[in-house]
C-alpha atoms as a PDB file:
ATOM      1  CA  MET A   1       0.108   0.115   0.048  1.00  0.00           C
ATOM      2  CA  GLY A   2       2.565   2.446   0.923  1.00  0.00           C
ATOM      3  CA  GLY A   3       4.611   1.726  -2.066  1.00  0.00           C
ATOM      4  CA  ASP A   4       1.548   2.527  -4.260  1.00  0.00           C
ATOM      5  CA  LYS A   5       0.738   5.618  -2.403  1.00  0.00           C
ATOM      6  CA  GLY A   6       4.330   6.850  -3.412  1.00  0.00           C
ATOM      7  CA  GLU A   7       4.021   5.887  -6.785  1.00  0.00           C
ATOM      8  CA  GLY A   8       0.552   7.795  -7.089  1.00  0.00           C
ATOM      9  CA  VAL A   9       2.165  11.006  -5.259  1.00  0.00           C
ATOM     10  CA  LYS A  10       5.333  10.730  -7.926  1.00  0.00           C
ATOM     11  CA  ARG A  11       2.785  10.529 -10.977  1.00  0.00           C
ATOM     12  CA  LEU A  12       0.725  13.268  -9.407  1.00  0.00           C
ATOM     13  CA  GLN A  13       4.208  15.648  -8.975  1.00  0.00           C
ATOM     14  CA  PHE A  14       4.864  14.714 -12.566  1.00  0.00           C
ATOM     15  CA  GLY A  15       1.946  15.638 -14.092  1.00  0.00           C
ATOM     16  CA  ILE A  16       1.824  19.129 -11.841  1.00  0.00           C
ATOM     17  CA  LYS A  17       5.162  19.517 -13.331  1.00  0.00           C
ATOM     18  CA  THR A  18       4.652  18.612 -16.963  1.00  0.00           C
ATOM     19  CA  THR A  19       1.329  20.459 -17.129  1.00  0.00           C
ATOM     20  CA  LEU A  20       3.281  23.894 -15.874  1.00  0.00           C
ATOM     21  CA  ILE A  21       6.218  23.564 -18.155  1.00  0.00           C
ATOM     22  CA  LEU A  22       3.697  23.040 -21.279  1.00  0.00           C
ATOM     23  CA  ILE A  23       1.568  25.889 -20.596  1.00  0.00           C
ATOM     24  CA  SER A  24       4.308  28.120 -19.632  1.00  0.00           C
ATOM     25  CA  PRO A  25       4.946  29.505 -23.047  1.00  0.00           C
ATOM     26  CA  PHE A  26       1.596  30.803 -23.127  1.00  0.00           C
ATOM     27  CA  LEU A  27       1.796  32.247 -19.825  1.00  0.00           C
ATOM     28  CA  VAL A  28       5.205  33.918 -20.545  1.00  0.00           C
ATOM     29  CA  GLY A  29       3.742  35.218 -24.036  1.00  0.00           C
ATOM     30  CA  TRP A  30       0.486  36.877 -22.510  1.00  0.00           C
ATOM     31  CA  ILE A  31       2.648  38.817 -20.009  1.00  0.00           C
ATOM     32  CA  ALA A  32       4.832  39.851 -22.732  1.00  0.00           C
ATOM     33  CA  LEU A  33       2.221  41.137 -24.645  1.00  0.00           C
ATOM     34  CA  PHE A  34       1.277  43.668 -22.223  1.00  0.00           C
ATOM     35  CA  ILE A  35       4.966  44.538 -20.687  1.00  0.00           C
ATOM     36  CA  GLY A  36       6.850  47.114 -22.772  1.00  0.00           C
ATOM     37  CA  ALA A  37       7.791  50.699 -23.431  1.00  0.00           C
ATOM     38  CA  TYR A  38       4.105  51.241 -23.613  1.00  0.00           C
ATOM     39  CA  ASN A  39       2.285  49.076 -20.769  1.00  0.00           C
ATOM     40  CA  ILE A  40      -1.210  48.188 -22.169  1.00  0.00           C
ATOM     41  CA  ASN A  41      -3.731  46.879 -19.697  1.00  0.00           C
ATOM     42  CA  PRO A  42      -3.960  42.637 -19.290  1.00  0.00           C
ATOM     43  CA  LEU A  43      -7.740  43.028 -20.067  1.00  0.00           C
ATOM     44  CA  MET A  44      -7.189  45.520 -22.797  1.00  0.00           C
ATOM     45  CA  VAL A  45      -4.955  42.622 -24.561  1.00  0.00           C
ATOM     46  CA  LEU A  46      -7.570  40.331 -24.007  1.00  0.00           C
ATOM     47  CA  LYS A  47     -10.038  42.303 -25.702  1.00  0.00           C
ATOM     48  CA  ILE A  48      -7.890  43.273 -28.606  1.00  0.00           C
ATOM     49  CA  ILE A  49      -6.997  39.534 -29.360  1.00  0.00           C
ATOM     50  CA  ILE A  50     -10.912  38.888 -28.973  1.00  0.00           C
ATOM     51  CA  SER A  51     -11.698  41.873 -31.491  1.00  0.00           C
ATOM     52  CA  GLU A  52      -9.636  40.439 -34.246  1.00  0.00           C
ATOM     53  CA  ILE A  53     -11.216  37.016 -33.905  1.00  0.00           C
ATOM     54  CA  TRP A  54     -14.776  38.177 -33.246  1.00  0.00           C
ATOM     55  CA  PRO A  55     -15.409  41.764 -34.035  1.00  0.00           C
ATOM     56  CA  TYR A  56     -18.078  43.827 -31.904  1.00  0.00           C
ATOM     57  CA  SER A  57     -18.978  47.000 -31.302  1.00  0.00           C
ATOM     58  CA  GLY A  58     -16.336  48.226 -28.431  1.00  0.00           C
ATOM     59  CA  ASN A  59     -13.178  47.847 -30.680  1.00  0.00           C
ATOM     60  CA  PRO A  60     -10.070  49.158 -28.828  1.00  0.00           C
ATOM     61  CA  ALA A  61      -7.692  51.910 -30.015  1.00  0.00           C
ATOM     62  CA  ILE A  62      -6.336  51.305 -33.241  1.00  0.00           C
ATOM     63  CA  GLU A  63      -2.726  52.499 -31.789  1.00  0.00           C
ATOM     64  CA  GLU A  64      -2.708  49.886 -29.243  1.00  0.00           C
ATOM     65  CA  LYS A  65      -4.168  47.358 -31.512  1.00  0.00           C
ATOM     66  CA  ALA A  66      -1.046  48.169 -34.007  1.00  0.00           C
ATOM     67  CA  ILE A  67       1.045  47.511 -31.300  1.00  0.00           C
ATOM     68  CA  ILE A  68       0.047  44.008 -30.080  1.00  0.00           C
ATOM     69  CA  PHE A  69      -0.737  42.632 -33.613  1.00  0.00           C
ATOM     70  CA  ASP A  70       1.854  44.344 -35.483  1.00  0.00           C
ATOM     71  CA  ILE A  71       5.252  44.663 -33.312  1.00  0.00           C
ATOM     72  CA  ARG A  72       4.813  42.117 -29.893  1.00  0.00           C
ATOM     73  CA  LEU A  73       2.585  39.196 -30.950  1.00  0.00           C
ATOM     74  CA  PRO A  74       5.099  38.589 -33.977  1.00  0.00           C
ATOM     75  CA  ARG A  75       7.706  39.000 -31.835  1.00  0.00           C
ATOM     76  CA  VAL A  76       6.590  36.838 -29.450  1.00  0.00           C
ATOM     77  CA  ILE A  77       5.453  33.944 -31.514  1.00  0.00           C
ATOM     78  CA  LEU A  78       8.821  34.255 -33.548  1.00  0.00           C
ATOM     79  CA  ALA A  79      10.862  34.158 -30.162  1.00  0.00           C
ATOM     80  CA  GLY A  80       9.001  30.954 -29.167  1.00  0.00           C
ATOM     81  CA  LEU A  81       9.389  29.257 -32.137  1.00  0.00           C
ATOM     82  CA  VAL A  82      13.193  29.861 -32.286  1.00  0.00           C
ATOM     83  CA  GLY A  83      13.210  28.546 -28.338  1.00  0.00           C
ATOM     84  CA  VAL A  84      11.625  25.472 -29.522  1.00  0.00           C
ATOM     85  CA  ALA A  85      14.415  24.880 -32.361  1.00  0.00           C
ATOM     86  CA  LEU A  86      17.130  25.698 -30.356  1.00  0.00           C
ATOM     87  CA  SER A  87      16.086  23.623 -27.204  1.00  0.00           C
ATOM     88  CA  GLY A  88      14.763  20.732 -29.179  1.00  0.00           C
ATOM     89  CA  SER A  89      17.765  20.461 -31.150  1.00  0.00           C
ATOM     90  CA  GLY A  90      19.740  20.609 -27.828  1.00  0.00           C
ATOM     91  CA  VAL A  91      18.302  17.717 -26.270  1.00  0.00           C
ATOM     92  CA  THR A  92      18.169  15.782 -29.616  1.00  0.00           C
ATOM     93  CA  LEU A  93      22.034  16.436 -29.798  1.00  0.00           C
ATOM     94  CA  GLN A  94      22.670  15.495 -26.388  1.00  0.00           C
ATOM     95  CA  GLY A  95      20.758  12.190 -26.484  1.00  0.00           C
ATOM     96  CA  ILE A  96      22.314  11.056 -29.771  1.00  0.00           C
ATOM     97  CA  PHE A  97      25.806  11.877 -28.844  1.00  0.00           C
ATOM     98  CA  ARG A  98      25.157  10.964 -25.011  1.00  0.00           C
ATOM     99  CA  ASN A  99      26.777  13.972 -23.899  1.00  0.00           C
ATOM    100  CA  PRO A 100      25.021  16.624 -22.139  1.00  0.00           C
ATOM    101  CA  LEU A 101      27.474  19.325 -22.571  1.00  0.00           C
ATOM    102  CA  VAL A 102      26.543  19.691 -26.544  1.00  0.00           C
ATOM    103  CA  ASP A 103      24.090  22.046 -27.942  1.00  0.00           C
ATOM    104  CA  PRO A 104      23.530  23.493 -31.616  1.00  0.00           C
ATOM    105  CA  PHE A 105      26.023  26.383 -30.376  1.00  0.00           C
ATOM    106  CA  ILE A 106      28.867  24.446 -28.992  1.00  0.00           C
ATOM    107  CA  LEU A 107      28.907  21.673 -31.741  1.00  0.00           C
ATOM    108  CA  GLY A 108      28.998  24.784 -34.270  1.00  0.00           C
ATOM    109  CA  ILE A 109      25.837  24.432 -35.906  1.00  0.00           C
ATOM    110  CA  SER A 110      24.957  28.084 -35.116  1.00  0.00           C
ATOM    111  CA  ALA A 111      28.439  29.325 -36.397  1.00  0.00           C
ATOM    112  CA  GLY A 112      28.024  27.274 -39.479  1.00  0.00           C
ATOM    113  CA  ALA A 113      24.657  28.768 -40.097  1.00  0.00           C
ATOM    114  CA  ALA A 114      25.521  32.413 -39.452  1.00  0.00           C
ATOM    115  CA  LEU A 115      28.786  31.963 -42.147  1.00  0.00           C
ATOM    116  CA  GLY A 116      25.920  30.890 -44.830  1.00  0.00           C
ATOM    117  CA  CYS A 117      23.757  33.637 -43.917  1.00  0.00           C
ATOM    118  CA  ALA A 118      26.377  36.125 -43.552  1.00  0.00           C
ATOM    119  CA  LEU A 119      27.850  34.977 -47.259  1.00  0.00           C
ATOM    120  CA  SER A 120      24.185  35.142 -48.598  1.00  0.00           C
ATOM    121  CA  VAL A 121      23.750  38.855 -47.639  1.00  0.00           C
ATOM    122  CA  GLY A 122      27.334  39.796 -48.603  1.00  0.00           C
ATOM    123  CA  PHE A 123      28.116  38.378 -51.902  1.00  0.00           C
ATOM    124  CA  PHE A 124      25.241  36.064 -52.696  1.00  0.00           C
ATOM    125  CA  PRO A 125      21.450  37.594 -52.414  1.00  0.00           C
ATOM    126  CA  SER A 126      20.416  35.736 -55.217  1.00  0.00           C
ATOM    127  CA  LEU A 127      20.727  32.857 -53.041  1.00  0.00           C
ATOM    128  CA  PRO A 128      18.256  32.152 -50.199  1.00  0.00           C
ATOM    129  CA  ILE A 129      19.572  32.621 -46.644  1.00  0.00           C
ATOM    130  CA  GLN A 130      17.630  30.039 -45.204  1.00  0.00           C
ATOM    131  CA  LEU A 131      19.043  27.042 -47.670  1.00  0.00           C
ATOM    132  CA  MET A 132      22.761  28.736 -46.818  1.00  0.00           C
ATOM    133  CA  ALA A 133      22.089  28.679 -43.328  1.00  0.00           C
ATOM    134  CA  PHE A 134      21.042  24.923 -43.405  1.00  0.00           C
ATOM    135  CA  LEU A 135      23.843  23.743 -46.009  1.00  0.00           C
ATOM    136  CA  PHE A 136      26.575  25.294 -43.351  1.00  0.00           C
ATOM    137  CA  GLY A 137      24.943  24.480 -40.278  1.00  0.00           C
ATOM    138  CA  LEU A 138      24.625  20.506 -41.576  1.00  0.00           C
ATOM    139  CA  PHE A 139      28.506  21.009 -43.038  1.00  0.00           C
ATOM    140  CA  ALA A 140      29.553  22.046 -39.323  1.00  0.00           C
ATOM    141  CA  VAL A 141      28.051  19.648 -37.381  1.00  0.00           C
ATOM    142  CA  ILE A 142      29.401  16.920 -39.633  1.00  0.00           C
ATOM    143  CA  LEU A 143      32.886  18.279 -39.148  1.00  0.00           C
ATOM    144  CA  ALA A 144      32.665  18.411 -35.528  1.00  0.00           C
ATOM    145  CA  TYR A 145      31.597  14.748 -35.521  1.00  0.00           C
ATOM    146  CA  THR A 146      34.173  13.322 -38.003  1.00  0.00           C
ATOM    147  CA  ILE A 147      36.918  14.975 -35.877  1.00  0.00           C
ATOM    148  CA  ALA A 148      35.343  13.900 -32.834  1.00  0.00           C
ATOM    149  CA  ARG A 149      34.927  10.273 -33.971  1.00  0.00           C
ATOM    150  CA  THR A 150      37.891   7.855 -33.005  1.00  0.00           C
ATOM    151  CA  GLN A 151      37.947   4.078 -32.476  1.00  0.00           C
ATOM    152  CA  GLY A 152      34.279   3.704 -33.366  1.00  0.00           C
ATOM    153  CA  GLU A 153      32.605   5.871 -30.186  1.00  0.00           C
ATOM    154  CA  ILE A 154      32.486   9.693 -29.370  1.00  0.00           C
ATOM    155  CA  SER A 155      33.762  10.439 -25.843  1.00  0.00           C
ATOM    156  CA  ARG A 156      32.476  13.855 -24.593  1.00  0.00           C
ATOM    157  CA  LEU A 157      35.636  15.837 -24.253  1.00  0.00           C
ATOM    158  CA  PRO A 158      36.695  15.293 -27.956  1.00  0.00           C
ATOM    159  CA  LEU A 159      33.449  16.520 -29.255  1.00  0.00           C
ATOM    160  CA  VAL A 160      33.025  19.475 -27.153  1.00  0.00           C
ATOM    161  CA  LEU A 161      36.697  20.525 -28.243  1.00  0.00           C
ATOM    162  CA  SER A 162      35.903  19.829 -31.892  1.00  0.00           C
ATOM    163  CA  GLY A 163      32.946  21.689 -31.682  1.00  0.00           C
ATOM    164  CA  VAL A 164      34.735  24.761 -30.079  1.00  0.00           C
ATOM    165  CA  ILE A 165      37.435  24.450 -33.138  1.00  0.00           C
ATOM    166  CA  ILE A 166      34.619  24.357 -35.905  1.00  0.00           C
ATOM    167  CA  SER A 167      32.874  27.429 -34.157  1.00  0.00           C
ATOM    168  CA  ALA A 168      35.967  29.361 -34.181  1.00  0.00           C
ATOM    169  CA  PHE A 169      36.815  28.329 -37.781  1.00  0.00           C
ATOM    170  CA  PHE A 170      33.460  29.629 -39.193  1.00  0.00           C
ATOM    171  CA  ALA A 171      33.694  32.428 -36.751  1.00  0.00           C
ATOM    172  CA  ALA A 172      36.869  33.537 -38.410  1.00  0.00           C
ATOM    173  CA  MET A 173      35.528  33.367 -41.484  1.00  0.00           C
ATOM    174  CA  VAL A 174      32.529  35.256 -40.845  1.00  0.00           C
ATOM    175  CA  SER A 175      35.111  37.827 -40.153  1.00  0.00           C
ATOM    176  CA  ILE A 176      36.483  37.722 -43.122  1.00  0.00           C
ATOM    177  CA  VAL A 177      33.174  38.460 -44.857  1.00  0.00           C
ATOM    178  CA  LYS A 178      32.603  41.342 -42.470  1.00  0.00           C
ATOM    179  CA  PHE A 179      36.032  42.484 -43.684  1.00  0.00           C
ATOM    180  CA  LEU A 180      35.532  42.371 -47.411  1.00  0.00           C
ATOM    181  CA  VAL A 181      31.702  42.997 -47.490  1.00  0.00           C
ATOM    182  CA  ASP A 182      29.993  46.487 -48.426  1.00  0.00           C
ATOM    183  CA  PRO A 183      30.320  48.781 -45.394  1.00  0.00           C
ATOM    184  CA  HIS A 184      26.133  49.124 -45.901  1.00  0.00           C
ATOM    185  CA  LYS A 185      25.813  45.501 -45.443  1.00  0.00           C
ATOM    186  CA  LEU A 186      28.397  45.071 -42.722  1.00  0.00           C
ATOM    187  CA  GLN A 187      26.014  46.776 -40.223  1.00  0.00           C
ATOM    188  CA  SER A 188      23.059  44.591 -40.637  1.00  0.00           C
ATOM    189  CA  ILE A 189      25.402  41.348 -40.359  1.00  0.00           C
ATOM    190  CA  VAL A 190      26.923  42.833 -37.212  1.00  0.00           C
ATOM    191  CA  PHE A 191      23.834  43.632 -35.506  1.00  0.00           C
ATOM    192  CA  TRP A 192      22.404  40.327 -36.624  1.00  0.00           C
ATOM    193  CA  LEU A 193      25.084  38.341 -35.614  1.00  0.00           C
ATOM    194  CA  MET A 194      24.379  39.409 -31.894  1.00  0.00           C
ATOM    195  CA  GLY A 195      21.168  37.623 -32.165  1.00  0.00           C
ATOM    196  CA  SER A 196      17.896  39.953 -31.751  1.00  0.00           C
ATOM    197  CA  PHE A 197      14.046  39.382 -32.519  1.00  0.00           C
ATOM    198  CA  SER A 198      13.990  43.699 -32.781  1.00  0.00           C
ATOM    199  CA  LEU A 199      13.159  43.335 -36.886  1.00  0.00           C
ATOM    200  CA  ALA A 200      10.406  40.609 -36.197  1.00  0.00           C
ATOM    201  CA  ASP A 201       7.228  40.260 -38.303  1.00  0.00           C
ATOM    202  CA  TRP A 202       4.687  38.044 -39.681  1.00  0.00           C
ATOM    203  CA  HIS A 203       7.038  37.594 -42.891  1.00  0.00           C
ATOM    204  CA  PHE A 204       9.815  36.184 -40.587  1.00  0.00           C
ATOM    205  CA  VAL A 205       7.231  34.330 -38.515  1.00  0.00           C
ATOM    206  CA  ARG A 206       5.965  32.221 -41.804  1.00  0.00           C
ATOM    207  CA  ILE A 207       9.264  31.340 -42.467  1.00  0.00           C
ATOM    208  CA  ALA A 208      10.427  30.337 -39.455  1.00  0.00           C
ATOM    209  CA  GLY A 209       7.238  28.550 -38.717  1.00  0.00           C
ATOM    210  CA  ILE A 210       7.473  26.745 -41.930  1.00  0.00           C
ATOM    211  CA  GLY A 211      10.989  25.759 -41.712  1.00  0.00           C
ATOM    212  CA  ILE A 212      11.241  24.944 -38.020  1.00  0.00           C
ATOM    213  CA  ILE A 213       8.229  22.854 -37.734  1.00  0.00           C
ATOM    214  CA  ILE A 214       9.562  20.814 -40.742  1.00  0.00           C
ATOM    215  CA  GLY A 215      12.768  20.469 -38.671  1.00  0.00           C
ATOM    216  CA  ILE A 216      11.126  19.486 -35.517  1.00  0.00           C
ATOM    217  CA  LEU A 217       8.292  17.230 -36.770  1.00  0.00           C
ATOM    218  CA  PRO A 218      10.766  14.234 -37.178  1.00  0.00           C
ATOM    219  CA  ILE A 219      12.349  14.874 -33.588  1.00  0.00           C
ATOM    220  CA  PHE A 220       8.952  14.764 -31.998  1.00  0.00           C
ATOM    221  CA  PHE A 221       7.518  11.842 -33.583  1.00  0.00           C
ATOM    222  CA  MET A 222      10.663   9.472 -33.400  1.00  0.00           C
ATOM    223  CA  ARG A 223      11.761  10.964 -30.101  1.00  0.00           C
ATOM    224  CA  TRP A 224      11.221   7.456 -28.102  1.00  0.00           C
ATOM    225  CA  ARG A 225      14.199   6.184 -30.225  1.00  0.00           C
ATOM    226  CA  LEU A 226      16.521   8.731 -28.330  1.00  0.00           C
ATOM    227  CA  ASN A 227      16.220   6.482 -25.739  1.00  0.00           C
ATOM    228  CA  VAL A 228      17.670   3.216 -27.696  1.00  0.00           C
ATOM    229  CA  ILE A 229      20.656   5.375 -29.206  1.00  0.00           C
ATOM    230  CA  SER A 230      21.464   7.104 -25.737  1.00  0.00           C
ATOM    231  CA  MET A 231      22.309   3.611 -24.486  1.00  0.00           C
ATOM    232  CA  GLY A 232      25.215   3.355 -26.925  1.00  0.00           C
ATOM    233  CA  GLU A 233      25.641   2.103 -30.106  1.00  0.00           C
ATOM    234  CA  ASP A 234      26.104  -1.696 -29.614  1.00  0.00           C
ATOM    235  CA  GLU A 235      22.827  -1.803 -27.091  1.00  0.00           C
ATOM    236  CA  ALA A 236      21.296   0.148 -29.876  1.00  0.00           C
ATOM    237  CA  LYS A 237      22.139  -2.315 -32.689  1.00  0.00           C
ATOM    238  CA  SER A 238      21.419  -5.361 -30.643  1.00  0.00           C
ATOM    239  CA  LEU A 239      17.755  -4.039 -30.466  1.00  0.00           C
ATOM    240  CA  GLY A 240      17.416  -4.048 -33.894  1.00  0.00           C
ATOM    241  CA  VAL A 241      18.007  -0.124 -34.482  1.00  0.00           C
ATOM    242  CA  ASN A 242      19.935   1.413 -37.748  1.00  0.00           C
ATOM    243  CA  VAL A 243      22.149   3.769 -35.263  1.00  0.00           C
ATOM    244  CA  LYS A 244      23.641   5.706 -38.515  1.00  0.00           C
ATOM    245  CA  ARG A 245      20.489   6.096 -40.610  1.00  0.00           C
ATOM    246  CA  GLU A 246      18.861   7.409 -37.253  1.00  0.00           C
ATOM    247  CA  ARG A 247      21.713   9.834 -36.445  1.00  0.00           C
ATOM    248  CA  ILE A 248      21.422  11.194 -39.869  1.00  0.00           C
ATOM    249  CA  ILE A 249      17.944  11.747 -39.571  1.00  0.00           C
ATOM    250  CA  PHE A 250      17.983  13.604 -36.424  1.00  0.00           C
ATOM    251  CA  ILE A 251      21.089  15.824 -37.139  1.00  0.00           C
ATOM    252  CA  GLY A 252      19.714  16.523 -40.472  1.00  0.00           C
ATOM    253  CA  ALA A 253      16.420  17.713 -38.762  1.00  0.00           C
ATOM    254  CA  SER A 254      18.683  19.686 -35.810  1.00  0.00           C
ATOM    255  CA  SER A 255      20.379  21.547 -38.537  1.00  0.00           C
ATOM    256  CA  LEU A 256      17.640  22.429 -40.411  1.00  0.00           C
ATOM    257  CA  ALA A 257      15.856  23.671 -37.315  1.00  0.00           C
ATOM    258  CA  VAL A 258      18.501  25.606 -36.042  1.00  0.00           C
ATOM    259  CA  SER A 259      19.559  26.959 -39.420  1.00  0.00           C
ATOM    260  CA  ILE A 260      16.188  28.401 -39.911  1.00  0.00           C
ATOM    261  CA  ALA A 261      16.303  29.777 -36.366  1.00  0.00           C
ATOM    262  CA  VAL A 262      19.466  31.297 -36.916  1.00  0.00           C
ATOM    263  CA  SER A 263      18.546  32.834 -40.255  1.00  0.00           C
ATOM    264  CA  VAL A 264      15.365  34.933 -38.744  1.00  0.00           C
ATOM    265  CA  SER A 265      17.212  35.875 -35.480  1.00  0.00           C
ATOM    266  CA  GLY A 266      20.904  35.707 -35.412  1.00  0.00           C
ATOM    267  CA  ILE A 267      23.125  33.435 -33.205  1.00  0.00           C
ATOM    268  CA  ILE A 268      21.583  32.968 -30.029  1.00  0.00           C
ATOM    269  CA  GLY A 269      23.756  30.541 -27.698  1.00  0.00           C
ATOM    270  CA  TRP A 270      23.111  28.415 -24.678  1.00  0.00           C
ATOM    271  CA  VAL A 271      19.414  27.910 -24.877  1.00  0.00           C
ATOM    272  CA  GLY A 272      20.083  24.276 -26.551  1.00  0.00           C
ATOM    273  CA  LEU A 273      22.130  23.602 -23.374  1.00  0.00           C
ATOM    274  CA  MET A 274      20.495  25.037 -20.410  1.00  0.00           C
ATOM    275  CA  VAL A 275      16.940  24.207 -20.869  1.00  0.00           C
ATOM    276  CA  PRO A 276      17.165  20.595 -21.906  1.00  0.00           C
ATOM    277  CA  HIS A 277      19.251  20.115 -18.720  1.00  0.00           C
ATOM    278  CA  LEU A 278      17.152  21.784 -16.488  1.00  0.00           C
ATOM    279  CA  ILE A 279      14.121  19.613 -17.817  1.00  0.00           C
ATOM    280  CA  ARG A 280      16.086  16.929 -17.520  1.00  0.00           C
ATOM    281  CA  MET A 281      16.722  17.604 -13.561  1.00  0.00           C
ATOM    282  CA  MET A 282      13.030  18.153 -12.966  1.00  0.00           C
ATOM    283  CA  THR A 283      11.357  15.042 -15.144  1.00  0.00           C
ATOM    284  CA  GLY A 284      13.935  12.631 -15.766  1.00  0.00           C
ATOM    285  CA  PRO A 285      15.929  11.513 -18.796  1.00  0.00           C
ATOM    286  CA  ASP A 286      13.016   9.751 -20.431  1.00  0.00           C
ATOM    287  CA  HIS A 287      13.020  11.098 -24.201  1.00  0.00           C
ATOM    288  CA  LYS A 288       9.510  10.681 -24.773  1.00  0.00           C
ATOM    289  CA  SER A 289       8.403  13.422 -22.437  1.00  0.00           C
ATOM    290  CA  LEU A 290      12.039  15.091 -22.373  1.00  0.00           C
ATOM    291  CA  VAL A 291      11.846  16.245 -25.792  1.00  0.00           C
ATOM    292  CA  PRO A 292       8.538  17.918 -26.021  1.00  0.00           C
ATOM    293  CA  LEU A 293       8.934  19.448 -22.461  1.00  0.00           C
ATOM    294  CA  SER A 294      12.399  20.916 -23.544  1.00  0.00           C
ATOM    295  CA  MET A 295      10.756  22.428 -26.431  1.00  0.00           C
ATOM    296  CA  ALA A 296       7.989  24.059 -24.558  1.00  0.00           C
ATOM    297  CA  GLY A 297      10.674  25.089 -21.726  1.00  0.00           C
ATOM    298  CA  GLY A 298      13.129  26.355 -24.876  1.00  0.00           C
ATOM    299  CA  ALA A 299      10.005  28.495 -26.075  1.00  0.00           C
ATOM    300  CA  ALA A 300       9.178  29.983 -22.518  1.00  0.00           C
ATOM    301  CA  PHE A 301      12.702  31.027 -21.632  1.00  0.00           C
ATOM    302  CA  MET A 302      13.394  32.631 -25.190  1.00  0.00           C
ATOM    303  CA  ILE A 303      10.222  34.461 -24.898  1.00  0.00           C
ATOM    304  CA  PHE A 304      11.169  35.477 -21.235  1.00  0.00           C
ATOM    305  CA  ALA A 305      14.818  36.536 -22.171  1.00  0.00           C
ATOM    306  CA  ASP A 306      13.374  38.419 -25.124  1.00  0.00           C
ATOM    307  CA  THR A 307      11.122  40.485 -22.823  1.00  0.00           C
ATOM    308  CA  ILE A 308      13.705  41.353 -20.411  1.00  0.00           C
ATOM    309  CA  ALA A 309      16.338  42.178 -23.581  1.00  0.00           C
ATOM    310  CA  ARG A 310      13.601  44.861 -24.699  1.00  0.00           C
ATOM    311  CA  ASN A 311      12.377  46.239 -21.576  1.00  0.00           C
ATOM    312  CA  LEU A 312      15.928  46.321 -19.316  1.00  0.00           C
ATOM    313  CA  THR A 313      16.959  49.704 -20.838  1.00  0.00           C
ATOM    314  CA  ASN A 314      15.606  52.283 -23.028  1.00  0.00           C
ATOM    315  CA  PHE A 315      16.757  50.707 -25.970  1.00  0.00           C
ATOM    316  CA  ASP A 316      16.580  47.056 -27.449  1.00  0.00           C
ATOM    317  CA  ILE A 317      19.249  44.981 -26.325  1.00  0.00           C
ATOM    318  CA  PRO A 318      20.119  41.862 -28.442  1.00  0.00           C
ATOM    319  CA  VAL A 319      18.802  38.894 -26.695  1.00  0.00           C
ATOM    320  CA  GLY A 320      22.364  36.847 -27.452  1.00  0.00           C
ATOM    321  CA  ILE A 321      23.768  39.170 -24.848  1.00  0.00           C
ATOM    322  CA  ILE A 322      20.924  38.265 -22.282  1.00  0.00           C
ATOM    323  CA  THR A 323      21.445  34.105 -22.828  1.00  0.00           C
ATOM    324  CA  ALA A 324      24.973  34.260 -22.699  1.00  0.00           C
ATOM    325  CA  ILE A 325      25.289  36.053 -19.178  1.00  0.00           C
ATOM    326  CA  THR A 326      22.897  33.018 -18.304  1.00  0.00           C
ATOM    327  CA  GLY A 327      24.632  30.330 -20.466  1.00  0.00           C
ATOM    328  CA  ALA A 328      28.013  30.927 -19.373  1.00  0.00           C
ATOM    329  CA  PRO A 329      27.895  30.088 -15.796  1.00  0.00           C
ATOM    330  CA  PHE A 330      25.456  27.190 -16.155  1.00  0.00           C
ATOM    331  CA  PHE A 331      28.091  25.551 -18.684  1.00  0.00           C
ATOM    332  CA  VAL A 332      30.713  25.677 -15.835  1.00  0.00           C
ATOM    333  CA  TYR A 333      28.276  24.254 -13.643  1.00  0.00           C
ATOM    334  CA  ILE A 334      27.355  21.554 -15.589  1.00  0.00           C
ATOM    335  CA  MET A 335      30.911  20.706 -16.163  1.00  0.00           C
ATOM    336  CA  LYS A 336      31.817  20.703 -12.189  1.00  0.00           C
ATOM    337  CA  LYS A 337      28.983  18.436 -11.923  1.00  0.00           C
ATOM    338  CA  GLY A 338      29.996  16.219 -15.054  1.00  0.00           C
ATOM    339  CA  GLY A 339      26.219  16.038 -15.853  1.00  0.00           C
ATOM    340  CA  ARG A 340      25.644  13.081 -13.173  1.00  0.00           C
ATOM    341  CA  GLU A 341      22.605  14.548 -11.695  1.00  0.00           C
ATOM    342  CA  SER A 342      20.266  14.993 -14.894  1.00  0.00           C
ATOM    343  CA  TRP A 343      21.747  12.546 -17.041  1.00  0.00           C
ATOM    344  CA  GLY A 344      20.461   9.454 -15.355  1.00  0.00           C
ATOM    345  CA  ARG A 345      23.906   7.430 -15.632  1.00  0.00           C
END
């Protein structure tokens, strides 16, 4: 009886945690809509949204409606989509590489995508930014994976170091691009590289929504396979899993999602490292729940960070600065602990 009661309490606690995490993007997004340089009453925000769906005689002021639907709402949705992409890719890469210290930023995907975007803006405007970002982001993670792979397995330290090397190389290439491009294009590249949602609009939301959903859906539907792959290649093969094929699918999907995110927001680091690790500490290592919860947590964290970035001062701080300030100390904490508390090993 005591054991059954204890299991019931654990399930209840898990249900509460998962529910709060899943609804957190909507709660944080709701708060972000009425906080800003021009504060809007929360009830007025609700009226504005209702009036758009169901027009009625008491329509709100045109100015407030424009602020919500033309400025804040697309920015909130775009931030949430980027958070889903970065965090979902982070938890995926951590699972397939069996390493809690990796994420799209550390493995070089973000730097590779940034180089692709910079080349598109600076020299090849006829080529779509999203295509260039995806190709170079995928190339970066393949390079990091190839360098780190020794004797059939990938150990933790070589993978992190190879990611640092690849990131540094692509960052240097981006610097060369900045040196060679036209000064007018240089300004936009430099600001974009810091990571920001200040230029968010519905066009960016459509681009990000289509690309990120295409990249994230395979990860979501195949998430249970991450449990098998994270046990190791030998164990996964013994259970009939084609590890090589599954890794290609997961890496390709993650690279697509992250590259699209980088193309619309610039480089925003550490989200894919912090959020999955925190969610894993709260709910455990089962990827069937860890993947969707990490996506929801990433969306909420990104919206929260962007809300701070645009309200902390009188001008818009790049959100990449906010995530770096929080992410760097967290990375040190994980390194000190070795990831043992949350990795379930």
